[in-house]
Amino acid sequence: VTLKAISDGVRIPDGLLLAYPAIDLTQAVTSSRFLFHNDFIVPHHFLQLCREAYIPLKGDLKDPFLSPLYAPDDMLKKLPSELYIMSSGIDPLLDDTTRFLYRLKELGLSVSYKRYDFLPHGFWNFGSLLPTAYESVKECSVILNQILDRVTKNNTAKQGPVLEKSPGTKIDDEMSMRFDINGQKTS
């Protein structure tokens, strides 16, 4: 979606947080695809089914809107300055993420990256079962709150308060609170 926004010249997100992204739908043979061919979350045949459901039969698998790994340099250079990527160490898509990171670094982009070595693809879904997955969701919450705080501060500085009280409304400080994944107030 961000690359499409860049291509169309519309406003892009203020930051991106990508988790175990699918960024090369060509399904090139990589060591992670080979090692995790029979992954219990995303086995090879499941990846094939997803790709076939998503892409037209004669679709260009290197189209940057399908496979951002192949996006032109000038497009990637326009990604948001706050770019975060989380990946799992037990994932057929791990090498795709690694290749994308190298591409972004070669372009001089700043990327914050964290790999969870012993978690599978889709680990955010396992927060109630795996303590490390739970911690990753909490980290995600912190990152998103930081992006929102920065955007809110920048918008307030440029154009005044983001929310203004008007007659008959009940906007109070409680509406602007941030909450963690347990529903606890964080600020």
C-alpha atoms as a PDB file:
ATOM      1  CA  VAL A   1       0.000   0.000   0.000  1.00  0.00           C
ATOM      2  CA  THR A   2       2.848   2.387   0.820  1.00  0.00           C
ATOM      3  CA  LEU A   3       4.546   1.742  -2.515  1.00  0.00           C
ATOM      4  CA  LYS A   4       1.236   2.355  -4.306  1.00  0.00           C
ATOM      5  CA  ALA A   5       0.860   5.644  -2.397  1.00  0.00           C
ATOM      6  CA  ILE A   6       4.395   6.616  -3.437  1.00  0.00           C
ATOM      7  CA  SER A   7       3.645   5.695  -7.050  1.00  0.00           C
ATOM      8  CA  ASP A   8       0.387   7.682  -7.065  1.00  0.00           C
ATOM      9  CA  GLY A   9       1.914  10.702  -5.322  1.00  0.00           C
ATOM     10  CA  VAL A  10      -0.426  10.585  -2.338  1.00  0.00           C
ATOM     11  CA  ARG A  11       0.425  10.898   1.348  1.00  0.00           C
ATOM     12  CA  ILE A  12       2.402   7.962   2.674  1.00  0.00           C
ATOM     13  CA  PRO A  13       2.271   6.616   6.229  1.00  0.00           C
ATOM     14  CA  ASP A  14       4.409   8.395   8.812  1.00  0.00           C
ATOM     15  CA  GLY A  15       6.051   5.114   9.750  1.00  0.00           C
ATOM     16  CA  LEU A  16       5.978   1.432   8.881  1.00  0.00           C
ATOM     17  CA  LEU A  17       6.127  -1.626  11.093  1.00  0.00           C
ATOM     18  CA  LEU A  18       6.454  -4.808   9.058  1.00  0.00           C
ATOM     19  CA  ALA A  19       6.189  -8.206  10.704  1.00  0.00           C
ATOM     20  CA  TYR A  20       7.510 -11.301   8.925  1.00  0.00           C
ATOM     21  CA  PRO A  21       6.672  -9.680   5.569  1.00  0.00           C
ATOM     22  CA  ALA A  22       6.074 -11.460   2.280  1.00  0.00           C
ATOM     23  CA  ILE A  23       8.174  -9.265   0.007  1.00  0.00           C
ATOM     24  CA  ASP A  24       9.262 -11.644  -2.757  1.00  0.00           C
ATOM     25  CA  LEU A  25       6.410 -13.583  -4.321  1.00  0.00           C
ATOM     26  CA  THR A  26       8.656 -15.052  -7.021  1.00  0.00           C
ATOM     27  CA  GLN A  27       9.398 -17.767  -4.476  1.00  0.00           C
ATOM     28  CA  ALA A  28      13.036 -17.909  -5.489  1.00  0.00           C
ATOM     29  CA  VAL A  29      14.868 -20.819  -3.919  1.00  0.00           C
ATOM     30  CA  THR A  30      16.533 -19.610  -0.735  1.00  0.00           C
ATOM     31  CA  SER A  31      18.072 -21.401   2.203  1.00  0.00           C
ATOM     32  CA  SER A  32      15.179 -20.447   4.498  1.00  0.00           C
ATOM     33  CA  ARG A  33      12.592 -21.719   2.002  1.00  0.00           C
ATOM     34  CA  PHE A  34      14.550 -24.949   1.736  1.00  0.00           C
ATOM     35  CA  LEU A  35      15.124 -25.377   5.496  1.00  0.00           C
ATOM     36  CA  PHE A  36      11.526 -24.549   6.425  1.00  0.00           C
ATOM     37  CA  HIS A  37       9.861 -26.170   3.389  1.00  0.00           C
ATOM     38  CA  ASN A  38       7.573 -28.151   5.713  1.00  0.00           C
ATOM     39  CA  ASP A  39       7.022 -25.372   8.237  1.00  0.00           C
ATOM     40  CA  PHE A  40       3.970 -26.066  10.396  1.00  0.00           C
ATOM     41  CA  ILE A  41       2.594 -22.508  10.015  1.00  0.00           C
ATOM     42  CA  VAL A  42       3.391 -21.721   6.374  1.00  0.00           C
ATOM     43  CA  PRO A  43       4.488 -24.885   4.537  1.00  0.00           C
ATOM     44  CA  HIS A  44       5.469 -24.560   0.884  1.00  0.00           C
ATOM     45  CA  HIS A  45       2.108 -25.774  -0.449  1.00  0.00           C
ATOM     46  CA  PHE A  46       0.278 -23.164   1.666  1.00  0.00           C
ATOM     47  CA  LEU A  47       2.531 -20.404   0.313  1.00  0.00           C
ATOM     48  CA  GLN A  48       1.688 -21.649  -3.190  1.00  0.00           C
ATOM     49  CA  LEU A  49      -2.059 -21.564  -2.476  1.00  0.00           C
ATOM     50  CA  CYS A  50      -1.837 -18.013  -1.104  1.00  0.00           C
ATOM     51  CA  ARG A  51       0.169 -16.835  -4.086  1.00  0.00           C
ATOM     52  CA  GLU A  52      -2.237 -18.432  -6.573  1.00  0.00           C
ATOM     53  CA  ALA A  53      -5.252 -16.874  -4.833  1.00  0.00           C
ATOM     54  CA  TYR A  54      -3.616 -13.435  -4.758  1.00  0.00           C
ATOM     55  CA  ILE A  55      -1.922 -13.119  -8.139  1.00  0.00           C
ATOM     56  CA  PRO A  56      -3.514 -13.380 -11.604  1.00  0.00           C
ATOM     57  CA  LEU A  57      -2.323 -16.393 -13.603  1.00  0.00           C
ATOM     58  CA  LYS A  58      -0.137 -14.278 -15.856  1.00  0.00           C
ATOM     59  CA  GLY A  59       0.839 -11.732 -13.212  1.00  0.00           C
ATOM     60  CA  ASP A  60       4.362 -10.319 -13.116  1.00  0.00           C
ATOM     61  CA  LEU A  61       5.818 -11.748  -9.911  1.00  0.00           C
ATOM     62  CA  LYS A  62       8.469  -9.015  -9.859  1.00  0.00           C
ATOM     63  CA  ASP A  63       5.842  -6.257  -9.896  1.00  0.00           C
ATOM     64  CA  PRO A  64       6.876  -4.029  -6.946  1.00  0.00           C
ATOM     65  CA  PHE A  65       3.285  -3.933  -5.698  1.00  0.00           C
ATOM     66  CA  LEU A  66       3.411  -7.728  -5.340  1.00  0.00           C
ATOM     67  CA  SER A  67       7.090  -8.147  -4.482  1.00  0.00           C
ATOM     68  CA  PRO A  68       8.487  -4.975  -2.876  1.00  0.00           C
ATOM     69  CA  LEU A  69      11.968  -6.522  -2.978  1.00  0.00           C
ATOM     70  CA  TYR A  70      12.009  -5.632  -6.694  1.00  0.00           C
ATOM     71  CA  ALA A  71      10.792  -2.046  -6.334  1.00  0.00           C
ATOM     72  CA  PRO A  72      12.968   0.552  -8.091  1.00  0.00           C
ATOM     73  CA  ASP A  73      15.505   2.378  -5.930  1.00  0.00           C
ATOM     74  CA  ASP A  74      13.811   5.763  -6.371  1.00  0.00           C
ATOM     75  CA  MET A  75      10.565   4.301  -4.999  1.00  0.00           C
ATOM     76  CA  LEU A  76      12.217   2.638  -2.002  1.00  0.00           C
ATOM     77  CA  LYS A  77      14.076   5.852  -1.143  1.00  0.00           C
ATOM     78  CA  LYS A  78      10.672   7.475  -0.540  1.00  0.00           C
ATOM     79  CA  LEU A  79       9.660   5.012   2.203  1.00  0.00           C
ATOM     80  CA  PRO A  80       8.900   6.614   5.586  1.00  0.00           C
ATOM     81  CA  SER A  81      11.912   7.581   7.679  1.00  0.00           C
ATOM     82  CA  GLU A  82      10.586   5.455  10.542  1.00  0.00           C
ATOM     83  CA  LEU A  83      10.871   1.910   9.266  1.00  0.00           C
ATOM     84  CA  TYR A  84      10.744  -1.100  11.576  1.00  0.00           C
ATOM     85  CA  ILE A  85      10.925  -4.737  10.556  1.00  0.00           C
ATOM     86  CA  MET A  86      10.401  -7.771  12.780  1.00  0.00           C
ATOM     87  CA  SER A  87      11.016 -11.278  11.531  1.00  0.00           C
ATOM     88  CA  SER A  88      11.091 -14.781  12.854  1.00  0.00           C
ATOM     89  CA  GLY A  89      14.073 -17.087  12.734  1.00  0.00           C
ATOM     90  CA  ILE A  90      11.946 -20.117  11.875  1.00  0.00           C
ATOM     91  CA  ASP A  91      10.299 -18.872   8.716  1.00  0.00           C
ATOM     92  CA  PRO A  92      10.461 -19.733   5.008  1.00  0.00           C
ATOM     93  CA  LEU A  93      10.316 -15.963   4.321  1.00  0.00           C
ATOM     94  CA  LEU A  94      13.342 -15.052   6.490  1.00  0.00           C
ATOM     95  CA  ASP A  95      15.800 -14.754   3.591  1.00  0.00           C
ATOM     96  CA  ASP A  96      13.405 -12.461   1.717  1.00  0.00           C
ATOM     97  CA  THR A  97      13.419 -10.116   4.695  1.00  0.00           C
ATOM     98  CA  THR A  98      17.205 -10.277   4.921  1.00  0.00           C
ATOM     99  CA  ARG A  99      17.577  -9.455   1.215  1.00  0.00           C
ATOM    100  CA  PHE A 100      15.145  -6.546   1.597  1.00  0.00           C
ATOM    101  CA  LEU A 101      17.089  -5.207   4.578  1.00  0.00           C
ATOM    102  CA  TYR A 102      20.339  -5.277   2.592  1.00  0.00           C
ATOM    103  CA  ARG A 103      18.618  -3.476  -0.260  1.00  0.00           C
ATOM    104  CA  LEU A 104      17.329  -0.726   2.061  1.00  0.00           C
ATOM    105  CA  LYS A 105      20.740  -0.351   3.767  1.00  0.00           C
ATOM    106  CA  GLU A 106      22.482  -0.087   0.368  1.00  0.00           C
ATOM    107  CA  LEU A 107      20.137   2.807  -0.416  1.00  0.00           C
ATOM    108  CA  GLY A 108      21.174   4.530   2.808  1.00  0.00           C
ATOM    109  CA  LEU A 109      17.828   4.072   4.531  1.00  0.00           C
ATOM    110  CA  SER A 110      17.672   3.725   8.287  1.00  0.00           C
ATOM    111  CA  VAL A 111      15.860   0.566   9.339  1.00  0.00           C
ATOM    112  CA  SER A 112      15.307  -0.817  12.816  1.00  0.00           C
ATOM    113  CA  TYR A 113      15.289  -4.599  12.644  1.00  0.00           C
ATOM    114  CA  LYS A 114      14.711  -7.363  15.137  1.00  0.00           C
ATOM    115  CA  ARG A 115      14.738 -11.095  14.494  1.00  0.00           C
ATOM    116  CA  TYR A 116      13.136 -13.477  16.957  1.00  0.00           C
ATOM    117  CA  ASP A 117      15.321 -16.512  16.384  1.00  0.00           C
ATOM    118  CA  PHE A 118      13.151 -19.155  18.044  1.00  0.00           C
ATOM    119  CA  LEU A 119       9.719 -17.988  16.938  1.00  0.00           C
ATOM    120  CA  PRO A 120       7.764 -19.126  13.863  1.00  0.00           C
ATOM    121  CA  HIS A 121       6.148 -17.072  11.121  1.00  0.00           C
ATOM    122  CA  GLY A 122       3.034 -15.364  12.483  1.00  0.00           C
ATOM    123  CA  PHE A 123       4.407 -15.173  16.029  1.00  0.00           C
ATOM    124  CA  TRP A 124       2.229 -12.205  17.000  1.00  0.00           C
ATOM    125  CA  ASN A 125      -0.647 -14.687  17.032  1.00  0.00           C
ATOM    126  CA  PHE A 126       1.008 -16.780  19.727  1.00  0.00           C
ATOM    127  CA  GLY A 127       1.263 -14.149  22.469  1.00  0.00           C
ATOM    128  CA  SER A 128      -0.944 -16.141  24.816  1.00  0.00           C
ATOM    129  CA  LEU A 129       1.203 -19.257  24.363  1.00  0.00           C
ATOM    130  CA  LEU A 130       4.782 -18.035  23.988  1.00  0.00           C
ATOM    131  CA  PRO A 131       6.275 -15.440  26.358  1.00  0.00           C
ATOM    132  CA  THR A 132       8.693 -14.149  23.690  1.00  0.00           C
ATOM    133  CA  ALA A 133       5.813 -13.667  21.252  1.00  0.00           C
ATOM    134  CA  TYR A 134       3.942 -11.759  23.953  1.00  0.00           C
ATOM    135  CA  GLU A 135       6.997  -9.528  24.471  1.00  0.00           C
ATOM    136  CA  SER A 136       7.176  -8.880  20.715  1.00  0.00           C
ATOM    137  CA  VAL A 137       3.585  -7.631  20.723  1.00  0.00           C
ATOM    138  CA  LYS A 138       4.431  -5.310  23.609  1.00  0.00           C
ATOM    139  CA  GLU A 139       7.448  -4.020  21.635  1.00  0.00           C
ATOM    140  CA  CYS A 140       5.169  -3.429  18.667  1.00  0.00           C
ATOM    141  CA  SER A 141       2.852  -1.406  20.892  1.00  0.00           C
ATOM    142  CA  VAL A 142       5.766   0.751  22.053  1.00  0.00           C
ATOM    143  CA  ILE A 143       6.954   1.345  18.468  1.00  0.00           C
ATOM    144  CA  LEU A 144       3.495   2.311  17.224  1.00  0.00           C
ATOM    145  CA  ASN A 145       2.955   4.628  20.197  1.00  0.00           C
ATOM    146  CA  GLN A 146       6.311   6.323  19.453  1.00  0.00           C
ATOM    147  CA  ILE A 147       5.317   6.892  15.833  1.00  0.00           C
ATOM    148  CA  LEU A 148       1.909   8.255  16.869  1.00  0.00           C
ATOM    149  CA  ASP A 149       3.433  10.497  19.542  1.00  0.00           C
ATOM    150  CA  ARG A 150       5.894  11.985  17.046  1.00  0.00           C
ATOM    151  CA  VAL A 151       3.170  12.541  14.442  1.00  0.00           C
ATOM    152  CA  THR A 152       0.866  14.111  17.010  1.00  0.00           C
ATOM    153  CA  LYS A 153       3.613  16.463  18.207  1.00  0.00           C
ATOM    154  CA  ASN A 154       4.524  17.437  14.633  1.00  0.00           C
ATOM    155  CA  ASN A 155       0.894  18.049  13.683  1.00  0.00           C
ATOM    156  CA  THR A 156       0.255  20.084  16.824  1.00  0.00           C
ATOM    157  CA  ALA A 157       3.317  22.228  16.158  1.00  0.00           C
ATOM    158  CA  LYS A 158       2.250  22.834  12.538  1.00  0.00           C
ATOM    159  CA  GLN A 159      -1.476  23.384  12.904  1.00  0.00           C
ATOM    160  CA  GLY A 160      -2.415  23.712  16.554  1.00  0.00           C
ATOM    161  CA  PRO A 161      -4.230  21.098  18.635  1.00  0.00           C
ATOM    162  CA  VAL A 162      -5.266  17.942  16.824  1.00  0.00           C
ATOM    163  CA  LEU A 163      -8.538  17.689  18.772  1.00  0.00           C
ATOM    164  CA  GLU A 164     -10.260  20.838  19.887  1.00  0.00           C
ATOM    165  CA  LYS A 165     -13.145  21.077  22.310  1.00  0.00           C
ATOM    166  CA  SER A 166     -16.227  22.595  20.822  1.00  0.00           C
ATOM    167  CA  PRO A 167     -19.512  23.487  22.517  1.00  0.00           C
ATOM    168  CA  GLY A 168     -21.549  20.442  23.461  1.00  0.00           C
ATOM    169  CA  THR A 169     -18.708  17.891  23.154  1.00  0.00           C
ATOM    170  CA  LYS A 170     -17.130  15.928  25.953  1.00  0.00           C
ATOM    171  CA  ILE A 171     -13.524  15.535  24.893  1.00  0.00           C
ATOM    172  CA  ASP A 172     -11.221  15.129  27.826  1.00  0.00           C
ATOM    173  CA  ASP A 173      -7.708  13.929  28.537  1.00  0.00           C
ATOM    174  CA  GLU A 174      -8.899  10.320  28.827  1.00  0.00           C
ATOM    175  CA  MET A 175      -9.412  10.203  25.044  1.00  0.00           C
ATOM    176  CA  SER A 176      -5.740  10.779  24.326  1.00  0.00           C
ATOM    177  CA  MET A 177      -4.383   8.072  26.627  1.00  0.00           C
ATOM    178  CA  ARG A 178      -2.237   5.276  25.301  1.00  0.00           C
ATOM    179  CA  PHE A 179      -2.814   1.713  26.429  1.00  0.00           C
ATOM    180  CA  ASP A 180      -0.592  -1.332  26.304  1.00  0.00           C
ATOM    181  CA  ILE A 181      -1.821  -4.736  25.154  1.00  0.00           C
ATOM    182  CA  ASN A 182      -3.179  -5.511  28.629  1.00  0.00           C
ATOM    183  CA  GLY A 183      -5.384  -2.442  28.593  1.00  0.00           C
ATOM    184  CA  GLN A 184      -3.162  -0.693  31.132  1.00  0.00           C
ATOM    185  CA  LYS A 185      -2.686   3.060  30.805  1.00  0.00           C
ATOM    186  CA  THR A 186       0.848   3.890  29.616  1.00  0.00           C
ATOM    187  CA  SER A 187       0.776   7.680  29.570  1.00  0.00           C
END
